C-alpha atoms as a PDB file:
ATOM      1  CA  UNK A   1      10.300   1.417 -12.012  1.00  0.00           C
ATOM      2  CA  UNK A   2      11.321  -2.202 -11.862  1.00  0.00           C
ATOM      3  CA  UNK A   3       9.062  -4.813 -13.339  1.00  0.00           C
ATOM      4  CA  UNK A   4      10.936  -8.083 -13.113  1.00  0.00           C
ATOM      5  CA  UNK A   5       9.455 -10.819 -15.252  1.00  0.00           C
ATOM      6  CA  UNK A   6       8.144 -13.633 -13.083  1.00  0.00           C
ATOM      7  CA  UNK A   7       8.859 -17.149 -14.279  1.00  0.00           C
ATOM      8  CA  UNK A   8       5.468 -18.382 -13.236  1.00  0.00           C
ATOM      9  CA  UNK A   9       5.250 -21.794 -14.875  1.00  0.00           C
ATOM     10  CA  UNK A  10       1.583 -22.553 -15.401  1.00  0.00           C
ATOM     11  CA  UNK A  11       0.686 -19.254 -13.723  1.00  0.00           C
ATOM     12  CA  UNK A  12      -2.383 -17.281 -14.721  1.00  0.00           C
ATOM     13  CA  UNK A  13      -2.924 -19.165 -17.967  1.00  0.00           C
ATOM     14  CA  UNK A  14      -3.274 -22.466 -16.126  1.00  0.00           C
ATOM     15  CA  UNK A  15      -5.870 -21.052 -13.757  1.00  0.00           C
ATOM     16  CA  UNK A  16      -8.113 -19.457 -16.371  1.00  0.00           C
ATOM     17  CA  UNK A  17     -11.221 -21.564 -16.669  1.00  0.00           C
ATOM     18  CA  UNK A  18     -10.174 -23.892 -13.839  1.00  0.00           C
ATOM     19  CA  UNK A  19     -12.715 -24.352 -11.001  1.00  0.00           C
ATOM     20  CA  UNK A  20     -11.860 -22.846  -7.610  1.00  0.00           C
ATOM     21  CA  UNK A  21     -10.678 -26.345  -6.621  1.00  0.00           C
ATOM     22  CA  UNK A  22      -8.030 -25.442  -3.999  1.00  0.00           C
ATOM     23  CA  UNK A  23      -6.891 -22.442  -6.067  1.00  0.00           C
ATOM     24  CA  UNK A  24      -6.495 -20.194  -3.034  1.00  0.00           C
ATOM     25  CA  UNK A  25      -3.899 -17.631  -2.075  1.00  0.00           C
ATOM     26  CA  UNK A  26      -3.213 -15.806   1.178  1.00  0.00           C
ATOM     27  CA  UNK A  27      -1.911 -12.265   0.712  1.00  0.00           C
ATOM     28  CA  UNK A  28      -0.404  -9.863   3.254  1.00  0.00           C
ATOM     29  CA  UNK A  29      -1.193  -6.326   2.107  1.00  0.00           C
ATOM     30  CA  UNK A  30      -0.068  -2.893   3.256  1.00  0.00           C
ATOM     31  CA  UNK A  31      -3.134  -1.094   4.629  1.00  0.00           C
ATOM     32  CA  UNK A  32      -2.942   1.779   2.136  1.00  0.00           C
ATOM     33  CA  UNK A  33      -3.712  -0.707  -0.641  1.00  0.00           C
ATOM     34  CA  UNK A  34      -6.918  -2.058   0.922  1.00  0.00           C
ATOM     35  CA  UNK A  35      -9.436  -0.757  -1.622  1.00  0.00           C
ATOM     36  CA  UNK A  36      -7.543  -1.694  -4.793  1.00  0.00           C
ATOM     37  CA  UNK A  37      -6.580  -5.066  -3.306  1.00  0.00           C
ATOM     38  CA  UNK A  38     -10.212  -5.932  -2.657  1.00  0.00           C
ATOM     39  CA  UNK A  39     -11.151  -5.013  -6.230  1.00  0.00           C
ATOM     40  CA  UNK A  40      -8.164  -6.933  -7.599  1.00  0.00           C
ATOM     41  CA  UNK A  41      -9.226  -9.972  -5.587  1.00  0.00           C
ATOM     42  CA  UNK A  42     -12.720  -9.914  -7.082  1.00  0.00           C
ATOM     43  CA  UNK A  43     -11.357  -9.463 -10.603  1.00  0.00           C
ATOM     44  CA  UNK A  44      -8.869 -12.296 -10.098  1.00  0.00           C
ATOM     45  CA  UNK A  45     -11.644 -14.603  -8.926  1.00  0.00           C
ATOM     46  CA  UNK A  46     -13.817 -13.643 -11.884  1.00  0.00           C
ATOM     47  CA  UNK A  47     -10.928 -14.329 -14.262  1.00  0.00           C
ATOM     48  CA  UNK A  48      -9.581 -17.549 -12.762  1.00  0.00           C
ATOM     49  CA  UNK A  49     -11.996 -18.969 -10.203  1.00  0.00           C
ATOM     50  CA  UNK A  50      -9.219 -18.736  -7.623  1.00  0.00           C
ATOM     51  CA  UNK A  51      -9.922 -17.109  -4.279  1.00  0.00           C
ATOM     52  CA  UNK A  52      -7.794 -14.565  -2.442  1.00  0.00           C
ATOM     53  CA  UNK A  53      -7.711 -13.961   1.311  1.00  0.00           C
ATOM     54  CA  UNK A  54      -6.223 -10.629   2.354  1.00  0.00           C
ATOM     55  CA  UNK A  55      -4.666  -9.629   5.678  1.00  0.00           C
ATOM     56  CA  UNK A  56      -4.159  -5.866   5.946  1.00  0.00           C
ATOM     57  CA  UNK A  57      -1.763  -4.017   8.239  1.00  0.00           C
ATOM     58  CA  UNK A  58       1.306  -1.825   8.547  1.00  0.00           C
ATOM     59  CA  UNK A  59       4.144  -3.019   6.328  1.00  0.00           C
ATOM     60  CA  UNK A  60       6.582  -3.419   9.215  1.00  0.00           C
ATOM     61  CA  UNK A  61       4.102  -5.430  11.252  1.00  0.00           C
ATOM     62  CA  UNK A  62       3.280  -7.687   8.311  1.00  0.00           C
ATOM     63  CA  UNK A  63       6.966  -8.295   7.698  1.00  0.00           C
ATOM     64  CA  UNK A  64       7.456  -9.284  11.320  1.00  0.00           C
ATOM     65  CA  UNK A  65       4.637 -11.813  10.955  1.00  0.00           C
ATOM     66  CA  UNK A  66       6.190 -13.225   7.775  1.00  0.00           C
ATOM     67  CA  UNK A  67       9.543 -13.565   9.524  1.00  0.00           C
ATOM     68  CA  UNK A  68       7.756 -15.501  12.267  1.00  0.00           C
ATOM     69  CA  UNK A  69       6.347 -18.043   9.802  1.00  0.00           C
ATOM     70  CA  UNK A  70       2.902 -16.536   9.193  1.00  0.00           C
ATOM     71  CA  UNK A  71       1.454 -18.485   6.224  1.00  0.00           C
ATOM     72  CA  UNK A  72       1.201 -15.539   3.812  1.00  0.00           C
ATOM     73  CA  UNK A  73       2.009 -16.613   0.263  1.00  0.00           C
ATOM     74  CA  UNK A  74       2.254 -13.157  -1.309  1.00  0.00           C
ATOM     75  CA  UNK A  75       3.474  -9.938   0.301  1.00  0.00           C
ATOM     76  CA  UNK A  76       2.318  -6.571  -1.088  1.00  0.00           C
ATOM     77  CA  UNK A  77       4.468  -4.089   0.780  1.00  0.00           C
ATOM     78  CA  UNK A  78       4.179  -0.305   0.996  1.00  0.00           C
ATOM     79  CA  UNK A  79       7.912   0.024   0.426  1.00  0.00           C
ATOM     80  CA  UNK A  80      10.721  -1.614  -1.544  1.00  0.00           C
ATOM     81  CA  UNK A  81      12.790  -2.356   1.546  1.00  0.00           C
ATOM     82  CA  UNK A  82      10.913  -5.246   3.160  1.00  0.00           C
ATOM     83  CA  UNK A  83      10.430  -7.439   0.067  1.00  0.00           C
ATOM     84  CA  UNK A  84      14.153  -7.229  -0.675  1.00  0.00           C
ATOM     85  CA  UNK A  85      14.848  -7.950   2.989  1.00  0.00           C
ATOM     86  CA  UNK A  86      12.500 -10.939   2.851  1.00  0.00           C
ATOM     87  CA  UNK A  87      14.492 -12.393  -0.043  1.00  0.00           C
ATOM     88  CA  UNK A  88      17.821 -11.663   1.646  1.00  0.00           C
ATOM     89  CA  UNK A  89      16.707 -13.297   4.890  1.00  0.00           C
ATOM     90  CA  UNK A  90      15.257 -16.370   3.193  1.00  0.00           C
ATOM     91  CA  UNK A  91      11.549 -15.639   3.676  1.00  0.00           C
ATOM     92  CA  UNK A  92      10.757 -14.943   0.016  1.00  0.00           C
ATOM     93  CA  UNK A  93      11.657 -16.253  -3.427  1.00  0.00           C
ATOM     94  CA  UNK A  94      14.564 -14.636  -5.240  1.00  0.00           C
ATOM     95  CA  UNK A  95      13.659 -13.174  -8.635  1.00  0.00           C
ATOM     96  CA  UNK A  96      10.001 -12.494  -7.817  1.00  0.00           C
ATOM     97  CA  UNK A  97      10.246  -8.917  -6.517  1.00  0.00           C
ATOM     98  CA  UNK A  98       8.667  -6.185  -8.631  1.00  0.00           C
ATOM     99  CA  UNK A  99       7.164  -2.737  -8.098  1.00  0.00           C
ATOM    100  CA  UNK A 100       3.403  -3.032  -8.428  1.00  0.00           C
ATOM    101  CA  UNK A 101       2.559   0.587  -7.541  1.00  0.00           C
ATOM    102  CA  UNK A 102       4.064   3.964  -6.709  1.00  0.00           C
ATOM    103  CA  UNK A 103       2.099   5.622  -3.941  1.00  0.00           C
ATOM    104  CA  UNK A 104       1.055   9.218  -3.336  1.00  0.00           C
ATOM    105  CA  UNK A 105       0.762  10.913   0.060  1.00  0.00           C
ATOM    106  CA  UNK A 106      -1.982  13.448   0.693  1.00  0.00           C
ATOM    107  CA  UNK A 107      -3.107  15.706   3.507  1.00  0.00           C
ATOM    108  CA  UNK A 108      -6.774  14.979   4.142  1.00  0.00           C
ATOM    109  CA  UNK A 109      -9.398  16.827   6.145  1.00  0.00           C
ATOM    110  CA  UNK A 110     -13.190  16.582   5.964  1.00  0.00           C
ATOM    111  CA  UNK A 111     -13.548  19.713   8.104  1.00  0.00           C
ATOM    112  CA  UNK A 112     -10.816  22.092   6.861  1.00  0.00           C
ATOM    113  CA  UNK A 113     -10.296  23.406   3.342  1.00  0.00           C
ATOM    114  CA  UNK A 114      -6.844  22.025   2.524  1.00  0.00           C
ATOM    115  CA  UNK A 115      -6.668  23.260  -1.071  1.00  0.00           C
ATOM    116  CA  UNK A 116      -3.436  24.962   0.033  1.00  0.00           C
ATOM    117  CA  UNK A 117      -2.250  22.276   2.403  1.00  0.00           C
ATOM    118  CA  UNK A 118       1.126  23.851   3.012  1.00  0.00           C
ATOM    119  CA  UNK A 119      -0.503  27.056   4.233  1.00  0.00           C
ATOM    120  CA  UNK A 120      -2.867  25.079   6.464  1.00  0.00           C
ATOM    121  CA  UNK A 121       0.025  23.206   8.046  1.00  0.00           C
ATOM    122  CA  UNK A 122       2.076  26.357   8.538  1.00  0.00           C
ATOM    123  CA  UNK A 123      -0.869  28.188  10.105  1.00  0.00           C
ATOM    124  CA  UNK A 124      -0.838  25.535  12.844  1.00  0.00           C
ATOM    125  CA  UNK A 125      -4.485  26.401  13.571  1.00  0.00           C
ATOM    126  CA  UNK A 126      -5.534  22.849  14.359  1.00  0.00           C
ATOM    127  CA  UNK A 127      -5.455  20.688  17.469  1.00  0.00           C
ATOM    128  CA  UNK A 128      -4.509  17.254  16.156  1.00  0.00           C
ATOM    129  CA  UNK A 129      -2.680  15.901  13.108  1.00  0.00           C
ATOM    130  CA  UNK A 130      -3.025  12.189  12.328  1.00  0.00           C
ATOM    131  CA  UNK A 131       0.013  10.266  11.076  1.00  0.00           C
ATOM    132  CA  UNK A 132       0.565   6.523  10.759  1.00  0.00           C
ATOM    133  CA  UNK A 133       3.440   5.164  12.867  1.00  0.00           C
ATOM    134  CA  UNK A 134       6.535   6.138  10.840  1.00  0.00           C
ATOM    135  CA  UNK A 135       8.479   3.187  12.258  1.00  0.00           C
ATOM    136  CA  UNK A 136       6.233   0.596  10.625  1.00  0.00           C
ATOM    137  CA  UNK A 137       4.155   2.481   8.032  1.00  0.00           C
ATOM    138  CA  UNK A 138       5.936   3.980   4.986  1.00  0.00           C
ATOM    139  CA  UNK A 139       3.154   6.532   4.453  1.00  0.00           C
ATOM    140  CA  UNK A 140       3.592   7.693   8.022  1.00  0.00           C
ATOM    141  CA  UNK A 141       7.326   8.048   7.402  1.00  0.00           C
ATOM    142  CA  UNK A 142       6.568  10.058   4.260  1.00  0.00           C
ATOM    143  CA  UNK A 143       4.267  12.381   6.190  1.00  0.00           C
ATOM    144  CA  UNK A 144       6.907  12.960   8.849  1.00  0.00           C
ATOM    145  CA  UNK A 145       9.482  13.610   6.119  1.00  0.00           C
ATOM    146  CA  UNK A 146       7.195  16.178   4.504  1.00  0.00           C
ATOM    147  CA  UNK A 147       6.758  17.990   7.806  1.00  0.00           C
ATOM    148  CA  UNK A 148      10.532  18.072   8.267  1.00  0.00           C
ATOM    149  CA  UNK A 149      11.133  19.515   4.799  1.00  0.00           C
ATOM    150  CA  UNK A 150       8.527  22.180   5.495  1.00  0.00           C
ATOM    151  CA  UNK A 151      10.346  23.009   8.740  1.00  0.00           C
ATOM    152  CA  UNK A 152       7.331  22.126  10.851  1.00  0.00           C
ATOM    153  CA  UNK A 153       8.528  19.160  12.902  1.00  0.00           C
ATOM    154  CA  UNK A 154       8.899  20.996  16.199  1.00  0.00           C
ATOM    155  CA  UNK A 155       5.836  23.169  15.690  1.00  0.00           C
ATOM    156  CA  UNK A 156       3.385  20.284  15.295  1.00  0.00           C
ATOM    157  CA  UNK A 157       5.132  17.601  17.360  1.00  0.00           C
ATOM    158  CA  UNK A 158       2.749  17.916  20.296  1.00  0.00           C
ATOM    159  CA  UNK A 159      -0.284  17.716  18.034  1.00  0.00           C
ATOM    160  CA  UNK A 160       0.514  14.451  16.271  1.00  0.00           C
ATOM    161  CA  UNK A 161      -1.838  11.527  16.850  1.00  0.00           C
ATOM    162  CA  UNK A 162      -0.141   8.301  15.791  1.00  0.00           C
ATOM    163  CA  UNK A 163      -2.108   5.543  14.107  1.00  0.00           C
ATOM    164  CA  UNK A 164      -0.948   1.950  14.234  1.00  0.00           C
ATOM    165  CA  UNK A 165      -1.246   1.886  10.441  1.00  0.00           C
ATOM    166  CA  UNK A 166      -2.580   4.096   7.659  1.00  0.00           C
ATOM    167  CA  UNK A 167      -6.132   2.756   8.083  1.00  0.00           C
ATOM    168  CA  UNK A 168      -6.193   3.807  11.726  1.00  0.00           C
ATOM    169  CA  UNK A 169      -4.688   7.183  10.786  1.00  0.00           C
ATOM    170  CA  UNK A 170      -7.653   7.678   8.460  1.00  0.00           C
ATOM    171  CA  UNK A 171     -10.093   6.551  11.153  1.00  0.00           C
ATOM    172  CA  UNK A 172      -8.732   9.189  13.516  1.00  0.00           C
ATOM    173  CA  UNK A 173      -9.524  11.878  10.924  1.00  0.00           C
ATOM    174  CA  UNK A 174     -12.968  10.585   9.978  1.00  0.00           C
ATOM    175  CA  UNK A 175     -13.983  10.138  13.625  1.00  0.00           C
ATOM    176  CA  UNK A 176     -12.954  13.703  14.470  1.00  0.00           C
ATOM    177  CA  UNK A 177     -10.132  12.688  16.796  1.00  0.00           C
ATOM    178  CA  UNK A 178      -7.872  14.649  14.445  1.00  0.00           C
ATOM    179  CA  UNK A 179      -8.973  17.466  12.133  1.00  0.00           C
ATOM    180  CA  UNK A 180      -6.532  16.453   9.434  1.00  0.00           C
ATOM    181  CA  UNK A 181      -3.739  14.039   8.666  1.00  0.00           C
ATOM    182  CA  UNK A 182      -1.512  12.294   6.164  1.00  0.00           C
ATOM    183  CA  UNK A 183      -2.974   9.312   4.346  1.00  0.00           C
ATOM    184  CA  UNK A 184      -2.670   7.567   1.006  1.00  0.00           C
ATOM    185  CA  UNK A 185      -4.359   9.096  -2.036  1.00  0.00           C
ATOM    186  CA  UNK A 186      -6.024   5.748  -2.705  1.00  0.00           C
ATOM    187  CA  UNK A 187      -7.962   5.980   0.560  1.00  0.00           C
ATOM    188  CA  UNK A 188      -9.570   9.319  -0.335  1.00  0.00           C
ATOM    189  CA  UNK A 189      -9.472   9.240  -4.138  1.00  0.00           C
ATOM    190  CA  UNK A 190     -13.210   9.998  -4.323  1.00  0.00           C
ATOM    191  CA  UNK A 191     -13.228  12.920  -1.861  1.00  0.00           C
ATOM    192  CA  UNK A 192     -13.804  16.582  -2.912  1.00  0.00           C
ATOM    193  CA  UNK A 193     -10.701  18.516  -3.991  1.00  0.00           C
ATOM    194  CA  UNK A 194     -11.059  20.915  -1.050  1.00  0.00           C
ATOM    195  CA  UNK A 195     -10.554  17.999   1.355  1.00  0.00           C
ATOM    196  CA  UNK A 196      -7.411  16.562  -0.252  1.00  0.00           C
ATOM    197  CA  UNK A 197      -4.029  18.189  -0.788  1.00  0.00           C
ATOM    198  CA  UNK A 198      -1.600  16.128  -2.799  1.00  0.00           C
ATOM    199  CA  UNK A 199       1.733  16.535  -1.042  1.00  0.00           C
ATOM    200  CA  UNK A 200       4.367  17.674  -3.582  1.00  0.00           C
ATOM    201  CA  UNK A 201       6.618  14.805  -4.636  1.00  0.00           C
ATOM    202  CA  UNK A 202       9.744  16.734  -3.672  1.00  0.00           C
ATOM    203  CA  UNK A 203       8.701  16.667  -0.010  1.00  0.00           C
ATOM    204  CA  UNK A 204       9.096  12.895   0.420  1.00  0.00           C
ATOM    205  CA  UNK A 205      11.052  10.006  -1.028  1.00  0.00           C
ATOM    206  CA  UNK A 206       9.216   8.030  -3.749  1.00  0.00           C
ATOM    207  CA  UNK A 207       7.001   5.334  -2.255  1.00  0.00           C
ATOM    208  CA  UNK A 208       7.853   2.306  -4.376  1.00  0.00           C
ATOM    209  CA  UNK A 209       5.498  -0.469  -3.326  1.00  0.00           C
ATOM    210  CA  UNK A 210       7.014  -3.859  -4.078  1.00  0.00           C
ATOM    211  CA  UNK A 211       5.451  -7.302  -4.229  1.00  0.00           C
ATOM    212  CA  UNK A 212       7.135 -10.636  -3.630  1.00  0.00           C
ATOM    213  CA  UNK A 213       6.287 -14.334  -3.560  1.00  0.00           C
ATOM    214  CA  UNK A 214       7.039 -15.736  -0.122  1.00  0.00           C
ATOM    215  CA  UNK A 215       8.559 -19.135   0.547  1.00  0.00           C
ATOM    216  CA  UNK A 216       5.146 -20.261   1.817  1.00  0.00           C
ATOM    217  CA  UNK A 217       3.702 -19.613  -1.631  1.00  0.00           C
ATOM    218  CA  UNK A 218       6.558 -20.999  -3.694  1.00  0.00           C
ATOM    219  CA  UNK A 219       4.634 -24.131  -4.691  1.00  0.00           C
ATOM    220  CA  UNK A 220       1.236 -22.451  -5.063  1.00  0.00           C
ATOM    221  CA  UNK A 221       0.327 -21.732  -8.685  1.00  0.00           C
ATOM    222  CA  UNK A 222      -2.531 -19.488  -7.535  1.00  0.00           C
ATOM    223  CA  UNK A 223      -0.072 -17.273  -5.638  1.00  0.00           C
ATOM    224  CA  UNK A 224       2.130 -16.996  -8.708  1.00  0.00           C
ATOM    225  CA  UNK A 225      -0.886 -16.320 -10.891  1.00  0.00           C
ATOM    226  CA  UNK A 226      -2.073 -13.520  -8.585  1.00  0.00           C
ATOM    227  CA  UNK A 227       1.293 -11.797  -8.880  1.00  0.00           C
ATOM    228  CA  UNK A 228       1.098 -12.168 -12.636  1.00  0.00           C
ATOM    229  CA  UNK A 229      -2.406 -10.706 -12.592  1.00  0.00           C
ATOM    230  CA  UNK A 230      -1.089  -7.590 -10.815  1.00  0.00           C
ATOM    231  CA  UNK A 231       1.153  -6.997 -13.816  1.00  0.00           C
ATOM    232  CA  UNK A 232      -1.534  -7.606 -16.426  1.00  0.00           C
ATOM    233  CA  UNK A 233      -3.343  -4.811 -18.234  1.00  0.00           C
ATOM    234  CA  UNK A 234      -6.494  -5.478 -16.224  1.00  0.00           C
ATOM    235  CA  UNK A 235      -4.618  -5.466 -12.937  1.00  0.00           C
ATOM    236  CA  UNK A 236      -2.727  -2.272 -13.712  1.00  0.00           C
ATOM    237  CA  UNK A 237      -5.921  -0.478 -14.723  1.00  0.00           C
ATOM    238  CA  UNK A 238      -7.448  -1.249 -11.328  1.00  0.00           C
ATOM    239  CA  UNK A 239      -4.323  -0.037  -9.511  1.00  0.00           C
ATOM    240  CA  UNK A 240      -4.226   3.218 -11.497  1.00  0.00           C
ATOM    241  CA  UNK A 241      -7.909   3.818 -10.751  1.00  0.00           C
ATOM    242  CA  UNK A 242      -6.949   4.417  -7.119  1.00  0.00           C
ATOM    243  CA  UNK A 243      -4.330   7.057  -7.856  1.00  0.00           C
ATOM    244  CA  UNK A 244      -1.195   4.942  -7.995  1.00  0.00           C
ATOM    245  CA  UNK A 245       1.377   5.038 -10.763  1.00  0.00           C
ATOM    246  CA  UNK A 246       2.282   1.787 -12.465  1.00  0.00           C
ATOM    247  CA  UNK A 247       4.881   0.750 -15.026  1.00  0.00           C
ATOM    248  CA  UNK A 248       4.291  -0.604 -18.474  1.00  0.00           C
ATOM    249  CA  UNK A 249       2.674  -4.014 -18.679  1.00  0.00           C
ATOM    250  CA  UNK A 250       5.030  -6.931 -18.751  1.00  0.00           C
END
């Protein structure tokens, strides 16, 4: 895992003990990271007095907004493609990309015992399978990849219900519009084991979730400090709490 040292200037140290006084940061966040992001925001405010405003959505959609001059100062992607692309296309600051989390895909169902998720999928005894749009949501792409490696693409194609992002994919399952579906472990980390099947890592490419400082946030010390906080011991502990893997602090 990459963990590129950010040259943050005053960074987190400068914000500690400083009143909220304009220390604000706007963050675009992949929907799978909603719960940890909200907890990170509260912890960051408690530590620094700075405030964080989050906008959640599918990674591809958020990137499109950034490319169209949306005023996001930090981008927490669900892949490692878009942050690198943002740097290459001049929308983000070179040298600030790092992997803040490695995600896990699960099959979730509140109504079917998915202890053996592979068997459940192969039985095909369900009406609808929820998957986030694989074109814009990396977790949706991972779910589709898993189905392909299990040889089930054609069998379940007509049963797939596509969510705009991973949050909507989860809503489809919890509302009963789909009996089961692929979501992020972080979204259902507190659910019973019978409701969550952790998809084997060999069934999908590693989901390296990268962060980057956008050009809009280049002059904002709060934005730089928030990225630094993600890499701190406190930040990493919060991220791990939701089922993600993180690298060593630094």
